[in-house]
Amino acid sequence: MPLSLGEIVSRLGGELVGSDQVKIRQVATLEKAAPDTITFLANERYLRQLKGTRAGAVIVGEHLRHSIDTPHIVAANPYVYFARVSALFNPRPAMGASRHASAVIHPGAVLRDGVYVAPHAVIEEGAVVGADCSIGAGTYVGAGVTVGDGSMLYPNVTLYHDCSIGKRVIVHAGAVIGADGFGIAMEGNHWIKVPQIGRVRIGDDVEIGANTTIDRGAIDDTVIEDGVKLDNQIQIGHNVHIGAHTAIAACVGIAGSSRVGRFCRIGGASGIAGHLNIADNVEISAHTLVTKSIDEAGTYTGAYPFEPSRDWRRNAASLRNLAKLTGRVRALEQELKLRKKGTS
């Protein structure tokens, strides 16, 4: 259903500059926007695209309020405002309260009001599924699992026994929560499995990407605090603790018993070794390998920069000899000092 700019501003706030009668049907990018769509500009690098956009309206920051003749909404954070506008036009489909005949629900499971259970889902004994949840096709909810109100489990999610999921959590397809952590002990010439008796506890308003895996604790629980956002194909080891509102991009691996603070941002394909502590408000660049604790907020980068292969090989060879070169420089410095003393 289309909304006028006046209706959008009345719901979401912001300052409207231009006609409040412009009708908007959907959001769009600057390049592909049409007269019945709204777009946004948060980065001045795209100012040229702003000049040529066909959008019916644009969301901009205060510093760009005079940069465009098109009707626009001035917002403190254009990207956040855009996200809220997009949510207005693209609400989550209401599944309704129903249980498919092929779903297997143990008589000892508890399903609150408004729960949707898709085909071939399995809900084991002692599981409690909160009100207005959606359980996707082929999803497995293990014994003793709790799922908070308003949560959505997409198809083929696996929740192992005794794990807990908070309210309004989104878990995308293929995610596995609560599998055994990698706990093994060497005895002689073979490995002994260490039972993983902890759980996984996930807070409210968490989103977990497709095929992400979160291992259960060896003894204590693995904990994901409120508001954490996890991208696809992330591995979180046993006993890891991730602080509230941290965001982690795809293909990150976090080894066992590490603690990541609140409001951190971890770039794609980064790795964090085990038993480390990462302070609050730390940003880790993509492809960085963290091998020691980070005690202060800030941005940390450990990725080797991209360059042509010939240059990379030459620089890599120099790095291999860096210790020898450092020793030679120190020896030369010492020799220069001795010569200066001899001539004084």
C-alpha atoms as a PDB file:
ATOM      1  CA  MET A   1       0.000   0.000   0.000  1.00  0.00           C
ATOM      2  CA  PRO A   2       1.470   3.380  -0.960  1.00  0.00           C
ATOM      3  CA  LEU A   3       2.196   5.977   1.700  1.00  0.00           C
ATOM      4  CA  SER A   4       2.549   9.712   1.250  1.00  0.00           C
ATOM      5  CA  LEU A   5       5.709  11.436   2.431  1.00  0.00           C
ATOM      6  CA  GLY A   6       3.573  13.166   5.028  1.00  0.00           C
ATOM      7  CA  GLU A   7       2.438   9.796   6.397  1.00  0.00           C
ATOM      8  CA  ILE A   8       6.003   8.475   6.473  1.00  0.00           C
ATOM      9  CA  VAL A   9       7.259  11.483   8.430  1.00  0.00           C
ATOM     10  CA  SER A  10       4.316  11.328  10.833  1.00  0.00           C
ATOM     11  CA  ARG A  11       5.255   7.722  11.657  1.00  0.00           C
ATOM     12  CA  LEU A  12       9.038   7.945  11.669  1.00  0.00           C
ATOM     13  CA  GLY A  13       9.872  11.588  12.309  1.00  0.00           C
ATOM     14  CA  GLY A  14      12.446  13.570  10.374  1.00  0.00           C
ATOM     15  CA  GLU A  15      12.036  16.906   8.595  1.00  0.00           C
ATOM     16  CA  LEU A  16      10.240  16.915   5.250  1.00  0.00           C
ATOM     17  CA  VAL A  17      11.374  19.438   2.638  1.00  0.00           C
ATOM     18  CA  GLY A  18       8.947  19.617  -0.304  1.00  0.00           C
ATOM     19  CA  SER A  19       5.471  18.268  -0.972  1.00  0.00           C
ATOM     20  CA  ASP A  20       3.959  15.942   1.625  1.00  0.00           C
ATOM     21  CA  GLN A  21       1.594  14.439  -0.971  1.00  0.00           C
ATOM     22  CA  VAL A  22       4.165  12.469  -2.986  1.00  0.00           C
ATOM     23  CA  LYS A  23       3.121   8.804  -2.959  1.00  0.00           C
ATOM     24  CA  ILE A  24       5.767   6.166  -2.230  1.00  0.00           C
ATOM     25  CA  ARG A  25       5.324   2.450  -2.916  1.00  0.00           C
ATOM     26  CA  GLN A  26       8.783   1.017  -2.255  1.00  0.00           C
ATOM     27  CA  VAL A  27      12.437   1.757  -1.487  1.00  0.00           C
ATOM     28  CA  ALA A  28      15.165   1.721  -4.144  1.00  0.00           C
ATOM     29  CA  THR A  29      18.784   2.574  -4.885  1.00  0.00           C
ATOM     30  CA  LEU A  30      19.755   5.996  -6.223  1.00  0.00           C
ATOM     31  CA  GLU A  31      20.484   4.555  -9.676  1.00  0.00           C
ATOM     32  CA  LYS A  32      17.353   2.439 -10.103  1.00  0.00           C
ATOM     33  CA  ALA A  33      14.818   4.584  -8.262  1.00  0.00           C
ATOM     34  CA  ALA A  34      11.493   5.444  -9.912  1.00  0.00           C
ATOM     35  CA  PRO A  35       9.109   8.334  -9.169  1.00  0.00           C
ATOM     36  CA  ASP A  36       7.099   6.174  -6.739  1.00  0.00           C
ATOM     37  CA  THR A  37      10.146   5.057  -4.707  1.00  0.00           C
ATOM     38  CA  ILE A  38      12.276   6.578  -1.966  1.00  0.00           C
ATOM     39  CA  THR A  39      16.048   6.274  -1.688  1.00  0.00           C
ATOM     40  CA  PHE A  40      18.800   7.650   0.536  1.00  0.00           C
ATOM     41  CA  LEU A  41      22.263   9.177   0.495  1.00  0.00           C
ATOM     42  CA  ALA A  42      24.611   8.672   3.421  1.00  0.00           C
ATOM     43  CA  ASN A  43      27.957   8.998   1.636  1.00  0.00           C
ATOM     44  CA  GLU A  44      28.975  12.068  -0.366  1.00  0.00           C
ATOM     45  CA  ARG A  45      30.861   9.844  -2.826  1.00  0.00           C
ATOM     46  CA  TYR A  46      27.484   9.177  -4.451  1.00  0.00           C
ATOM     47  CA  LEU A  47      26.501  12.835  -4.744  1.00  0.00           C
ATOM     48  CA  ARG A  48      26.660  12.652  -8.556  1.00  0.00           C
ATOM     49  CA  GLN A  49      24.081   9.852  -8.527  1.00  0.00           C
ATOM     50  CA  LEU A  50      21.901  11.963  -6.252  1.00  0.00           C
ATOM     51  CA  LYS A  51      21.801  14.732  -8.865  1.00  0.00           C
ATOM     52  CA  GLY A  52      20.487  12.333 -11.516  1.00  0.00           C
ATOM     53  CA  THR A  53      18.120  10.145  -9.498  1.00  0.00           C
ATOM     54  CA  ARG A  54      14.486   9.702 -10.589  1.00  0.00           C
ATOM     55  CA  ALA A  55      13.329   8.928  -7.049  1.00  0.00           C
ATOM     56  CA  GLY A  56      10.158  10.512  -5.746  1.00  0.00           C
ATOM     57  CA  ALA A  57      11.999  11.372  -2.544  1.00  0.00           C
ATOM     58  CA  VAL A  58      15.438  11.071  -0.976  1.00  0.00           C
ATOM     59  CA  ILE A  59      16.549  10.680   2.638  1.00  0.00           C
ATOM     60  CA  VAL A  60      19.586  12.859   3.372  1.00  0.00           C
ATOM     61  CA  GLY A  61      21.620  14.178   6.279  1.00  0.00           C
ATOM     62  CA  GLU A  62      21.516  17.760   7.522  1.00  0.00           C
ATOM     63  CA  HIS A  63      24.608  18.732   5.521  1.00  0.00           C
ATOM     64  CA  LEU A  64      22.876  17.811   2.228  1.00  0.00           C
ATOM     65  CA  ARG A  65      19.527  19.507   2.763  1.00  0.00           C
ATOM     66  CA  HIS A  66      20.314  22.134   0.083  1.00  0.00           C
ATOM     67  CA  SER A  67      21.918  19.729  -2.411  1.00  0.00           C
ATOM     68  CA  ILE A  68      18.761  18.546  -4.174  1.00  0.00           C
ATOM     69  CA  ASP A  69      15.467  19.917  -5.511  1.00  0.00           C
ATOM     70  CA  THR A  70      13.617  16.590  -5.193  1.00  0.00           C
ATOM     71  CA  PRO A  71      11.407  16.305  -2.092  1.00  0.00           C
ATOM     72  CA  HIS A  72      13.586  14.990   0.701  1.00  0.00           C
ATOM     73  CA  ILE A  73      13.520  13.952   4.328  1.00  0.00           C
ATOM     74  CA  VAL A  74      16.314  15.281   6.503  1.00  0.00           C
ATOM     75  CA  ALA A  75      17.342  12.698   9.112  1.00  0.00           C
ATOM     76  CA  ALA A  76      20.126  12.490  11.689  1.00  0.00           C
ATOM     77  CA  ASN A  77      21.141   9.076  10.301  1.00  0.00           C
ATOM     78  CA  PRO A  78      19.892   8.576   6.717  1.00  0.00           C
ATOM     79  CA  TYR A  79      20.781   4.879   6.591  1.00  0.00           C
ATOM     80  CA  VAL A  80      18.911   4.073   9.810  1.00  0.00           C
ATOM     81  CA  TYR A  81      15.919   6.084   8.609  1.00  0.00           C
ATOM     82  CA  PHE A  82      16.024   4.215   5.286  1.00  0.00           C
ATOM     83  CA  ALA A  83      16.001   0.896   7.164  1.00  0.00           C
ATOM     84  CA  ARG A  84      12.864   1.938   9.033  1.00  0.00           C
ATOM     85  CA  VAL A  85      11.147   3.094   5.852  1.00  0.00           C
ATOM     86  CA  SER A  86      12.016  -0.232   4.214  1.00  0.00           C
ATOM     87  CA  ALA A  87      10.476  -2.057   7.175  1.00  0.00           C
ATOM     88  CA  LEU A  88       7.242  -0.093   6.636  1.00  0.00           C
ATOM     89  CA  PHE A  89       6.963  -1.314   3.050  1.00  0.00           C
ATOM     90  CA  ASN A  90       8.331  -4.813   3.618  1.00  0.00           C
ATOM     91  CA  PRO A  91       6.894  -6.227   6.848  1.00  0.00           C
ATOM     92  CA  ARG A  92       7.564  -9.837   7.772  1.00  0.00           C
ATOM     93  CA  PRO A  93       4.742 -12.007   6.385  1.00  0.00           C
ATOM     94  CA  ALA A  94       2.256 -13.078   9.041  1.00  0.00           C
ATOM     95  CA  MET A  95       2.278 -16.883   9.024  1.00  0.00           C
ATOM     96  CA  GLY A  96      -0.671 -17.384  11.352  1.00  0.00           C
ATOM     97  CA  ALA A  97      -1.151 -20.142  13.902  1.00  0.00           C
ATOM     98  CA  SER A  98      -1.046 -23.501  12.124  1.00  0.00           C
ATOM     99  CA  ARG A  99       0.741 -26.837  12.311  1.00  0.00           C
ATOM    100  CA  HIS A 100       1.375 -28.842   9.183  1.00  0.00           C
ATOM    101  CA  ALA A 101       0.245 -32.454   9.301  1.00  0.00           C
ATOM    102  CA  SER A 102       3.748 -33.726   8.524  1.00  0.00           C
ATOM    103  CA  ALA A 103       5.330 -31.884  11.472  1.00  0.00           C
ATOM    104  CA  VAL A 104       6.317 -34.078  14.438  1.00  0.00           C
ATOM    105  CA  ILE A 105       5.532 -32.423  17.771  1.00  0.00           C
ATOM    106  CA  HIS A 106       6.117 -34.334  20.993  1.00  0.00           C
ATOM    107  CA  PRO A 107       3.124 -34.333  23.361  1.00  0.00           C
ATOM    108  CA  GLY A 108       5.434 -32.968  26.051  1.00  0.00           C
ATOM    109  CA  ALA A 109       6.377 -29.893  24.012  1.00  0.00           C
ATOM    110  CA  VAL A 110       4.680 -26.563  24.749  1.00  0.00           C
ATOM    111  CA  LEU A 111       3.656 -24.237  21.932  1.00  0.00           C
ATOM    112  CA  ARG A 112       2.236 -20.862  22.920  1.00  0.00           C
ATOM    113  CA  ASP A 113      -0.425 -18.942  20.994  1.00  0.00           C
ATOM    114  CA  GLY A 114       0.136 -18.022  17.369  1.00  0.00           C
ATOM    115  CA  VAL A 115       2.920 -20.507  16.575  1.00  0.00           C
ATOM    116  CA  TYR A 116       3.379 -21.585  12.959  1.00  0.00           C
ATOM    117  CA  VAL A 117       4.997 -24.989  12.319  1.00  0.00           C
ATOM    118  CA  ALA A 118       5.953 -25.776   8.709  1.00  0.00           C
ATOM    119  CA  PRO A 119       6.129 -29.199   7.013  1.00  0.00           C
ATOM    120  CA  HIS A 120       8.508 -31.813   8.426  1.00  0.00           C
ATOM    121  CA  ALA A 121       9.607 -29.733  11.399  1.00  0.00           C
ATOM    122  CA  VAL A 122      10.399 -31.671  14.594  1.00  0.00           C
ATOM    123  CA  ILE A 123       9.842 -30.350  18.116  1.00  0.00           C
ATOM    124  CA  GLU A 124      11.060 -32.629  20.899  1.00  0.00           C
ATOM    125  CA  GLU A 125       9.895 -33.287  24.444  1.00  0.00           C
ATOM    126  CA  GLY A 126      10.201 -30.419  26.906  1.00  0.00           C
ATOM    127  CA  ALA A 127      10.738 -27.773  24.250  1.00  0.00           C
ATOM    128  CA  VAL A 128       8.890 -24.494  24.791  1.00  0.00           C
ATOM    129  CA  VAL A 129       8.118 -22.318  21.769  1.00  0.00           C
ATOM    130  CA  GLY A 130       6.940 -18.800  22.592  1.00  0.00           C
ATOM    131  CA  ALA A 131       3.988 -16.905  21.176  1.00  0.00           C
ATOM    132  CA  ASP A 132       3.927 -15.853  17.510  1.00  0.00           C
ATOM    133  CA  CYS A 133       7.003 -17.873  16.545  1.00  0.00           C
ATOM    134  CA  SER A 134       7.582 -19.403  13.122  1.00  0.00           C
ATOM    135  CA  ILE A 135       9.270 -22.811  12.820  1.00  0.00           C
ATOM    136  CA  GLY A 136      10.468 -23.409   9.246  1.00  0.00           C
ATOM    137  CA  ALA A 137      10.255 -26.545   7.147  1.00  0.00           C
ATOM    138  CA  GLY A 138      12.613 -29.301   8.256  1.00  0.00           C
ATOM    139  CA  THR A 139      13.740 -27.415  11.347  1.00  0.00           C
ATOM    140  CA  TYR A 140      14.680 -29.427  14.431  1.00  0.00           C
ATOM    141  CA  VAL A 141      13.985 -28.087  17.939  1.00  0.00           C
ATOM    142  CA  GLY A 142      15.660 -30.377  20.461  1.00  0.00           C
ATOM    143  CA  ALA A 143      14.540 -31.556  23.876  1.00  0.00           C
ATOM    144  CA  GLY A 144      14.400 -28.838  26.508  1.00  0.00           C
ATOM    145  CA  VAL A 145      14.984 -25.988  24.048  1.00  0.00           C
ATOM    146  CA  THR A 146      13.270 -22.660  24.719  1.00  0.00           C
ATOM    147  CA  VAL A 147      12.428 -20.229  21.924  1.00  0.00           C
ATOM    148  CA  GLY A 148      11.305 -16.733  22.919  1.00  0.00           C
ATOM    149  CA  ASP A 149       8.218 -14.913  21.671  1.00  0.00           C
ATOM    150  CA  GLY A 150       8.218 -13.605  18.113  1.00  0.00           C
ATOM    151  CA  SER A 151      11.263 -15.558  16.952  1.00  0.00           C
ATOM    152  CA  MET A 152      11.626 -16.909  13.429  1.00  0.00           C
ATOM    153  CA  LEU A 153      13.511 -20.081  12.522  1.00  0.00           C
ATOM    154  CA  TYR A 154      13.948 -20.491   8.772  1.00  0.00           C
ATOM    155  CA  PRO A 155      14.013 -23.948   7.095  1.00  0.00           C
ATOM    156  CA  ASN A 156      16.499 -26.604   8.194  1.00  0.00           C
ATOM    157  CA  VAL A 157      17.691 -24.889  11.345  1.00  0.00           C
ATOM    158  CA  THR A 158      18.983 -27.247  14.050  1.00  0.00           C
ATOM    159  CA  LEU A 159      18.690 -26.385  17.741  1.00  0.00           C
ATOM    160  CA  TYR A 160      20.364 -29.028  19.899  1.00  0.00           C
ATOM    161  CA  HIS A 161      18.981 -29.994  23.289  1.00  0.00           C
ATOM    162  CA  ASP A 162      18.655 -27.516  26.180  1.00  0.00           C
ATOM    163  CA  CYS A 163      19.694 -24.421  24.226  1.00  0.00           C
ATOM    164  CA  SER A 164      17.781 -21.185  24.761  1.00  0.00           C
ATOM    165  CA  ILE A 165      16.802 -18.601  22.157  1.00  0.00           C
ATOM    166  CA  GLY A 166      15.587 -15.151  23.218  1.00  0.00           C
ATOM    167  CA  LYS A 167      12.712 -13.040  21.941  1.00  0.00           C
ATOM    168  CA  ARG A 168      12.470 -11.756  18.364  1.00  0.00           C
ATOM    169  CA  VAL A 169      15.474 -13.796  17.250  1.00  0.00           C
ATOM    170  CA  ILE A 170      15.937 -14.585  13.547  1.00  0.00           C
ATOM    171  CA  VAL A 171      17.852 -17.753  12.633  1.00  0.00           C
ATOM    172  CA  HIS A 172      18.458 -18.295   8.926  1.00  0.00           C
ATOM    173  CA  ALA A 173      18.462 -21.550   7.004  1.00  0.00           C
ATOM    174  CA  GLY A 174      21.016 -24.214   7.821  1.00  0.00           C
ATOM    175  CA  ALA A 175      22.276 -22.695  11.065  1.00  0.00           C
ATOM    176  CA  VAL A 176      23.287 -25.193  13.754  1.00  0.00           C
ATOM    177  CA  ILE A 177      23.136 -24.097  17.373  1.00  0.00           C
ATOM    178  CA  GLY A 178      24.387 -26.278  20.200  1.00  0.00           C
ATOM    179  CA  ALA A 179      26.502 -28.912  18.444  1.00  0.00           C
ATOM    180  CA  ASP A 180      29.401 -30.280  20.487  1.00  0.00           C
ATOM    181  CA  GLY A 181      32.418 -28.041  20.823  1.00  0.00           C
ATOM    182  CA  PHE A 182      35.810 -29.283  19.642  1.00  0.00           C
ATOM    183  CA  GLY A 183      36.857 -30.795  22.939  1.00  0.00           C
ATOM    184  CA  ILE A 184      39.353 -33.661  22.739  1.00  0.00           C
ATOM    185  CA  ALA A 185      42.167 -34.880  24.986  1.00  0.00           C
ATOM    186  CA  MET A 186      45.216 -36.852  23.833  1.00  0.00           C
ATOM    187  CA  GLU A 187      45.844 -40.174  25.552  1.00  0.00           C
ATOM    188  CA  GLY A 188      48.850 -42.047  24.236  1.00  0.00           C
ATOM    189  CA  ASN A 189      48.432 -42.151  20.484  1.00  0.00           C
ATOM    190  CA  HIS A 190      44.696 -41.450  20.233  1.00  0.00           C
ATOM    191  CA  TRP A 191      42.118 -38.808  21.109  1.00  0.00           C
ATOM    192  CA  ILE A 192      39.522 -39.001  23.887  1.00  0.00           C
ATOM    193  CA  LYS A 193      36.314 -37.014  23.439  1.00  0.00           C
ATOM    194  CA  VAL A 194      35.570 -34.497  26.201  1.00  0.00           C
ATOM    195  CA  PRO A 195      31.798 -34.404  26.818  1.00  0.00           C
ATOM    196  CA  GLN A 196      30.342 -30.972  26.064  1.00  0.00           C
ATOM    197  CA  ILE A 197      27.829 -30.444  28.860  1.00  0.00           C
ATOM    198  CA  GLY A 198      27.239 -26.701  28.559  1.00  0.00           C
ATOM    199  CA  ARG A 199      24.521 -25.047  26.507  1.00  0.00           C
ATOM    200  CA  VAL A 200      24.132 -22.140  24.089  1.00  0.00           C
ATOM    201  CA  ARG A 201      22.253 -19.112  25.400  1.00  0.00           C
ATOM    202  CA  ILE A 202      21.155 -16.505  22.881  1.00  0.00           C
ATOM    203  CA  GLY A 203      19.671 -13.165  23.963  1.00  0.00           C
ATOM    204  CA  ASP A 204      16.873 -11.056  22.504  1.00  0.00           C
ATOM    205  CA  ASP A 205      16.872  -9.410  19.050  1.00  0.00           C
ATOM    206  CA  VAL A 206      19.768 -11.511  17.746  1.00  0.00           C
ATOM    207  CA  GLU A 207      20.071 -12.425  14.060  1.00  0.00           C
ATOM    208  CA  ILE A 208      22.056 -15.491  12.965  1.00  0.00           C
ATOM    209  CA  GLY A 209      23.003 -15.957   9.312  1.00  0.00           C
ATOM    210  CA  ALA A 210      22.658 -18.998   7.078  1.00  0.00           C
ATOM    211  CA  ASN A 211      24.919 -21.975   7.851  1.00  0.00           C
ATOM    212  CA  THR A 212      26.428 -20.303  10.894  1.00  0.00           C
ATOM    213  CA  THR A 213      27.420 -22.709  13.678  1.00  0.00           C
ATOM    214  CA  ILE A 214      27.535 -21.988  17.399  1.00  0.00           C
ATOM    215  CA  ASP A 215      28.974 -24.766  19.578  1.00  0.00           C
ATOM    216  CA  ARG A 216      27.689 -25.580  23.032  1.00  0.00           C
ATOM    217  CA  GLY A 217      29.972 -25.008  26.008  1.00  0.00           C
ATOM    218  CA  ALA A 218      32.296 -27.674  27.344  1.00  0.00           C
ATOM    219  CA  ILE A 219      31.217 -26.948  30.935  1.00  0.00           C
ATOM    220  CA  ASP A 220      29.949 -23.361  31.069  1.00  0.00           C
ATOM    221  CA  ASP A 221      27.572 -22.017  28.416  1.00  0.00           C
ATOM    222  CA  THR A 222      28.364 -20.338  25.120  1.00  0.00           C
ATOM    223  CA  VAL A 223      26.652 -16.930  25.310  1.00  0.00           C
ATOM    224  CA  ILE A 224      25.439 -14.538  22.616  1.00  0.00           C
ATOM    225  CA  GLU A 225      24.100 -11.377  24.267  1.00  0.00           C
ATOM    226  CA  ASP A 226      21.188  -9.162  23.160  1.00  0.00           C
ATOM    227  CA  GLY A 227      21.244  -7.485  19.762  1.00  0.00           C
ATOM    228  CA  VAL A 228      24.202  -9.383  18.287  1.00  0.00           C
ATOM    229  CA  LYS A 229      24.163  -9.690  14.478  1.00  0.00           C
ATOM    230  CA  LEU A 230      25.936 -12.665  12.892  1.00  0.00           C
ATOM    231  CA  ASP A 231      26.410 -13.004   9.134  1.00  0.00           C
ATOM    232  CA  ASN A 232      26.504 -16.273   7.176  1.00  0.00           C
ATOM    233  CA  GLN A 233      28.989 -19.125   7.680  1.00  0.00           C
ATOM    234  CA  ILE A 234      30.474 -18.018  10.977  1.00  0.00           C
ATOM    235  CA  GLN A 235      31.977 -20.546  13.403  1.00  0.00           C
ATOM    236  CA  ILE A 236      31.752 -19.769  17.115  1.00  0.00           C
ATOM    237  CA  GLY A 237      33.579 -22.228  19.352  1.00  0.00           C
ATOM    238  CA  HIS A 238      32.614 -23.570  22.744  1.00  0.00           C
ATOM    239  CA  ASN A 239      32.451 -21.243  25.759  1.00  0.00           C
ATOM    240  CA  VAL A 240      32.741 -18.118  23.600  1.00  0.00           C
ATOM    241  CA  HIS A 241      30.975 -15.043  24.995  1.00  0.00           C
ATOM    242  CA  ILE A 242      29.911 -12.291  22.585  1.00  0.00           C
ATOM    243  CA  GLY A 243      28.844  -8.966  24.077  1.00  0.00           C
ATOM    244  CA  ALA A 244      25.647  -7.104  23.248  1.00  0.00           C
ATOM    245  CA  HIS A 245      25.178  -5.411  19.860  1.00  0.00           C
ATOM    246  CA  THR A 246      28.372  -6.745  18.315  1.00  0.00           C
ATOM    247  CA  ALA A 247      28.219  -7.342  14.532  1.00  0.00           C
ATOM    248  CA  ILE A 248      30.294 -10.062  12.839  1.00  0.00           C
ATOM    249  CA  ALA A 249      30.649 -10.440   9.057  1.00  0.00           C
ATOM    250  CA  ALA A 250      30.739 -13.694   7.102  1.00  0.00           C
ATOM    251  CA  CYS A 251      33.305 -16.488   7.457  1.00  0.00           C
ATOM    252  CA  VAL A 252      34.739 -15.341  10.797  1.00  0.00           C
ATOM    253  CA  GLY A 253      36.040 -18.025  13.151  1.00  0.00           C
ATOM    254  CA  ILE A 254      36.215 -17.512  16.917  1.00  0.00           C
ATOM    255  CA  ALA A 255      38.042 -20.222  18.840  1.00  0.00           C
ATOM    256  CA  GLY A 256      36.933 -21.589  22.180  1.00  0.00           C
ATOM    257  CA  SER A 257      36.685 -19.585  25.413  1.00  0.00           C
ATOM    258  CA  SER A 258      37.345 -16.190  23.837  1.00  0.00           C
ATOM    259  CA  ARG A 259      35.305 -13.177  24.965  1.00  0.00           C
ATOM    260  CA  VAL A 260      34.288 -10.430  22.560  1.00  0.00           C
ATOM    261  CA  GLY A 261      33.083  -7.160  24.068  1.00  0.00           C
ATOM    262  CA  ARG A 262      30.009  -5.044  23.403  1.00  0.00           C
ATOM    263  CA  PHE A 263      29.505  -2.947  20.258  1.00  0.00           C
ATOM    264  CA  CYS A 264      32.398  -4.586  18.405  1.00  0.00           C
ATOM    265  CA  ARG A 265      32.571  -4.952  14.619  1.00  0.00           C
ATOM    266  CA  ILE A 266      34.499  -7.857  13.121  1.00  0.00           C
ATOM    267  CA  GLY A 267      35.270  -7.909   9.394  1.00  0.00           C
ATOM    268  CA  GLY A 268      34.766 -10.895   7.126  1.00  0.00           C
ATOM    269  CA  ALA A 269      37.112 -13.902   7.161  1.00  0.00           C
ATOM    270  CA  SER A 270      38.851 -12.730  10.330  1.00  0.00           C
ATOM    271  CA  GLY A 271      40.002 -15.193  12.963  1.00  0.00           C
ATOM    272  CA  ILE A 272      40.225 -14.895  16.734  1.00  0.00           C
ATOM    273  CA  ALA A 273      42.385 -17.418  18.580  1.00  0.00           C
ATOM    274  CA  GLY A 274      41.160 -19.140  21.726  1.00  0.00           C
ATOM    275  CA  HIS A 275      41.144 -17.830  25.307  1.00  0.00           C
ATOM    276  CA  LEU A 276      41.452 -14.156  24.303  1.00  0.00           C
ATOM    277  CA  ASN A 277      39.615 -11.061  25.526  1.00  0.00           C
ATOM    278  CA  ILE A 278      38.466  -8.357  23.110  1.00  0.00           C
ATOM    279  CA  ALA A 279      37.495  -5.015  24.690  1.00  0.00           C
ATOM    280  CA  ASP A 280      34.250  -3.153  23.990  1.00  0.00           C
ATOM    281  CA  ASN A 281      34.022  -0.974  20.856  1.00  0.00           C
ATOM    282  CA  VAL A 282      36.785  -2.749  18.952  1.00  0.00           C
ATOM    283  CA  GLU A 283      36.719  -2.842  15.144  1.00  0.00           C
ATOM    284  CA  ILE A 284      38.680  -5.650  13.476  1.00  0.00           C
ATOM    285  CA  SER A 285      39.334  -5.281   9.748  1.00  0.00           C
ATOM    286  CA  ALA A 286      38.565  -8.086   7.301  1.00  0.00           C
ATOM    287  CA  HIS A 287      41.040 -10.994   7.082  1.00  0.00           C
ATOM    288  CA  THR A 288      42.760 -10.041  10.340  1.00  0.00           C
ATOM    289  CA  LEU A 289      44.121 -12.848  12.528  1.00  0.00           C
ATOM    290  CA  VAL A 290      43.928 -11.910  16.207  1.00  0.00           C
ATOM    291  CA  THR A 291      46.407 -13.912  18.295  1.00  0.00           C
ATOM    292  CA  LYS A 292      46.495 -11.887  21.498  1.00  0.00           C
ATOM    293  CA  SER A 293      43.953 -10.016  23.606  1.00  0.00           C
ATOM    294  CA  ILE A 294      42.884  -6.468  22.710  1.00  0.00           C
ATOM    295  CA  ASP A 295      42.526  -4.296  25.803  1.00  0.00           C
ATOM    296  CA  GLU A 296      41.621  -0.919  24.277  1.00  0.00           C
ATOM    297  CA  ALA A 297      38.861   0.249  21.937  1.00  0.00           C
ATOM    298  CA  GLY A 298      39.942   1.122  18.403  1.00  0.00           C
ATOM    299  CA  THR A 299      40.459  -0.263  14.916  1.00  0.00           C
ATOM    300  CA  TYR A 300      42.883  -3.154  14.391  1.00  0.00           C
ATOM    301  CA  THR A 301      44.154  -4.460  11.052  1.00  0.00           C
ATOM    302  CA  GLY A 302      46.364  -7.450  10.338  1.00  0.00           C
ATOM    303  CA  ALA A 303      45.633  -8.267   6.701  1.00  0.00           C
ATOM    304  CA  TYR A 304      48.455  -8.139   4.147  1.00  0.00           C
ATOM    305  CA  PRO A 305      47.444  -5.650   1.415  1.00  0.00           C
ATOM    306  CA  PHE A 306      46.540  -6.774  -2.089  1.00  0.00           C
ATOM    307  CA  GLU A 307      49.121  -6.081  -4.820  1.00  0.00           C
ATOM    308  CA  PRO A 308      50.434  -7.625  -8.070  1.00  0.00           C
ATOM    309  CA  SER A 309      51.944 -11.080  -7.555  1.00  0.00           C
ATOM    310  CA  ARG A 310      55.491 -10.055  -8.557  1.00  0.00           C
ATOM    311  CA  ASP A 311      55.500  -7.236  -5.974  1.00  0.00           C
ATOM    312  CA  TRP A 312      53.954  -9.506  -3.347  1.00  0.00           C
ATOM    313  CA  ARG A 313      56.675 -12.151  -3.803  1.00  0.00           C
ATOM    314  CA  ARG A 314      59.417  -9.540  -3.558  1.00  0.00           C
ATOM    315  CA  ASN A 315      57.932  -8.011  -0.404  1.00  0.00           C
ATOM    316  CA  ALA A 316      57.325 -11.430   1.134  1.00  0.00           C
ATOM    317  CA  ALA A 317      60.973 -12.333   0.543  1.00  0.00           C
ATOM    318  CA  SER A 318      62.007  -9.113   2.269  1.00  0.00           C
ATOM    319  CA  LEU A 319      59.819  -9.952   5.243  1.00  0.00           C
ATOM    320  CA  ARG A 320      61.459 -13.361   5.600  1.00  0.00           C
ATOM    321  CA  ASN A 321      64.836 -11.624   5.907  1.00  0.00           C
ATOM    322  CA  LEU A 322      63.589  -8.794   8.116  1.00  0.00           C
ATOM    323  CA  ALA A 323      65.274 -10.107  11.278  1.00  0.00           C
ATOM    324  CA  LYS A 324      68.646 -10.359   9.503  1.00  0.00           C
ATOM    325  CA  LEU A 325      68.227  -6.876   8.010  1.00  0.00           C
ATOM    326  CA  THR A 326      67.366  -5.459  11.420  1.00  0.00           C
ATOM    327  CA  GLY A 327      70.532  -7.006  12.868  1.00  0.00           C
ATOM    328  CA  ARG A 328      72.668  -5.542  10.075  1.00  0.00           C
ATOM    329  CA  VAL A 329      71.159  -2.070  10.573  1.00  0.00           C
ATOM    330  CA  ARG A 330      71.880  -2.220  14.302  1.00  0.00           C
ATOM    331  CA  ALA A 331      75.471  -3.304  13.616  1.00  0.00           C
ATOM    332  CA  LEU A 332      75.941  -0.417  11.184  1.00  0.00           C
ATOM    333  CA  GLU A 333      74.489   2.035  13.688  1.00  0.00           C
ATOM    334  CA  GLN A 334      76.881   0.758  16.344  1.00  0.00           C
ATOM    335  CA  GLU A 335      79.824   1.065  13.934  1.00  0.00           C
ATOM    336  CA  LEU A 336      78.863   4.668  13.118  1.00  0.00           C
ATOM    337  CA  LYS A 337      78.729   5.516  16.817  1.00  0.00           C
ATOM    338  CA  LEU A 338      82.216   4.067  17.325  1.00  0.00           C
ATOM    339  CA  ARG A 339      83.599   6.030  14.354  1.00  0.00           C
ATOM    340  CA  LYS A 340      82.102   9.259  15.676  1.00  0.00           C
ATOM    341  CA  LYS A 341      83.731   8.647  19.053  1.00  0.00           C
ATOM    342  CA  GLY A 342      87.054   7.952  17.343  1.00  0.00           C
ATOM    343  CA  THR A 343      86.990  11.245  15.438  1.00  0.00           C
ATOM    344  CA  SER A 344      85.878  13.406  18.368  1.00  0.00           C
END
